[in-house]
Amino acid sequence: MLKVHRRLHILEQLPRFHPPPCLLEQVKRSALRSLSQEELDVLGTIAEEQAAGLPPRKWSERQSAALMSWDAALKDESKRVGLKSLPDKQSRRKKQ
């Protein structure tokens, strides 16, 4: 029985048994790929601060630039796949 569980676990890890990412996730992944490593590091720090529950504060110039790059990358990628904007995709999902 242990062998069956182990084999099932291995099969569950295979990519073909996972649903494909939704369009919004694909847009976000592509947008992240277009950012520089420095921008990714800054965005990671911002995300960690928010996850830790730290109170919001004024962004530094470097953080503001990284956030603007992220926003621009999201807009560019959403236009590339044919979306007017990301909220447009989210509102379509709510209507369905």
Protein backbone atom coordinates (compact mmCIF):
# COMPACT_ATOMS: atom_id res chain seq x y z
CA MET A 1 0.00 0.00 0.00
CA LEU A 2 2.90 2.33 0.75
CA LYS A 3 4.20 1.80 -2.80
CA VAL A 4 0.84 2.83 -4.23
CA HIS A 5 0.78 6.03 -2.17
CA ARG A 6 4.33 6.85 -3.18
CA ARG A 7 3.57 6.25 -6.86
CA LEU A 8 0.43 8.38 -6.68
CA HIS A 9 2.39 11.17 -5.04
CA ILE A 10 4.97 11.06 -7.82
CA LEU A 11 2.26 11.09 -10.49
CA GLU A 12 0.52 14.06 -8.85
CA GLN A 13 3.72 16.07 -9.15
CA LEU A 14 3.86 15.71 -12.93
CA PRO A 15 2.93 18.90 -14.81
CA ARG A 16 0.33 17.20 -16.99
CA PHE A 17 -1.81 16.52 -13.90
CA HIS A 18 -1.96 20.20 -12.93
CA PRO A 19 -4.45 22.55 -14.54
CA PRO A 20 -2.86 25.11 -16.86
CA PRO A 21 -2.45 28.58 -15.36
CA CYS A 22 -5.26 31.02 -16.06
CA LEU A 23 -4.67 33.93 -18.40
CA LEU A 24 -4.13 36.35 -15.53
CA GLU A 25 -1.40 34.15 -14.05
CA GLN A 26 0.25 33.87 -17.47
CA VAL A 27 0.24 37.67 -17.82
CA LYS A 28 1.81 38.09 -14.39
CA ARG A 29 4.52 35.50 -15.09
CA SER A 30 5.42 37.08 -18.43
CA ALA A 31 5.50 40.53 -16.85
CA LEU A 32 7.84 39.28 -14.11
CA ARG A 33 10.19 37.84 -16.73
CA SER A 34 10.53 41.26 -18.34
CA LEU A 35 11.79 42.92 -15.13
CA SER A 36 15.44 43.23 -14.17
CA GLN A 37 16.89 41.28 -11.26
CA GLU A 38 17.26 44.48 -9.24
CA GLU A 39 13.57 45.33 -9.75
CA LEU A 40 12.60 41.79 -8.75
CA ASP A 41 14.67 42.07 -5.57
CA VAL A 42 13.01 45.37 -4.64
CA LEU A 43 9.53 43.99 -5.34
CA GLY A 44 10.36 40.91 -3.28
CA THR A 45 11.32 43.11 -0.34
CA ILE A 46 8.07 45.05 -0.66
CA ALA A 47 6.06 41.81 -0.76
CA GLU A 48 7.87 40.46 2.31
CA GLU A 49 7.13 43.66 4.24
CA GLN A 50 3.45 43.47 3.33
CA ALA A 51 3.26 39.76 4.21
CA ALA A 52 4.85 40.49 7.59
CA GLY A 53 2.08 43.00 8.28
CA LEU A 54 4.34 46.02 8.52
CA PRO A 55 2.44 49.31 8.35
CA PRO A 56 2.41 51.04 4.95
CA ARG A 57 5.03 53.70 4.51
CA LYS A 58 6.20 56.09 1.86
CA TRP A 59 8.09 54.30 -0.92
CA SER A 60 11.69 55.19 -1.66
CA GLU A 61 12.59 56.38 -5.14
CA ARG A 62 14.01 52.95 -5.96
CA GLN A 63 10.85 51.20 -4.76
CA SER A 64 8.61 53.61 -6.67
CA ALA A 65 10.60 52.97 -9.84
CA ALA A 66 10.31 49.19 -9.40
CA LEU A 67 6.56 49.43 -8.81
CA MET A 68 6.14 51.63 -11.89
CA SER A 69 8.14 49.11 -13.96
CA TRP A 70 5.94 46.29 -12.66
CA ASP A 71 2.79 48.22 -13.53
CA ALA A 72 4.08 49.04 -17.01
CA ALA A 73 5.09 45.41 -17.60
CA LEU A 74 1.63 44.23 -16.56
CA LYS A 75 -0.05 46.71 -18.90
CA ASP A 76 2.22 45.80 -21.81
CA GLU A 77 1.72 42.09 -21.32
CA SER A 78 -2.04 42.38 -20.92
CA LYS A 79 -2.23 44.35 -24.17
CA ARG A 80 -0.06 41.76 -25.89
CA VAL A 81 -2.53 38.99 -25.05
CA GLY A 82 -5.51 41.12 -26.05
CA LEU A 83 -6.82 42.39 -22.73
CA LYS A 84 -7.73 46.05 -22.37
CA SER A 85 -6.50 45.97 -18.79
CA LEU A 86 -6.06 43.54 -15.93
CA PRO A 87 -9.19 44.66 -14.08
CA ASP A 88 -11.07 43.97 -17.33
CA LYS A 89 -10.03 40.31 -17.07
CA GLN A 90 -11.01 40.19 -13.41
CA SER A 91 -14.42 41.72 -14.09
CA ARG A 92 -15.02 39.20 -16.91
CA ARG A 93 -14.27 36.38 -14.48
CA LYS A 94 -16.83 37.74 -11.98
CA LYS A 95 -19.51 37.95 -14.67
CA GLN A 96 -19.08 34.31 -15.72
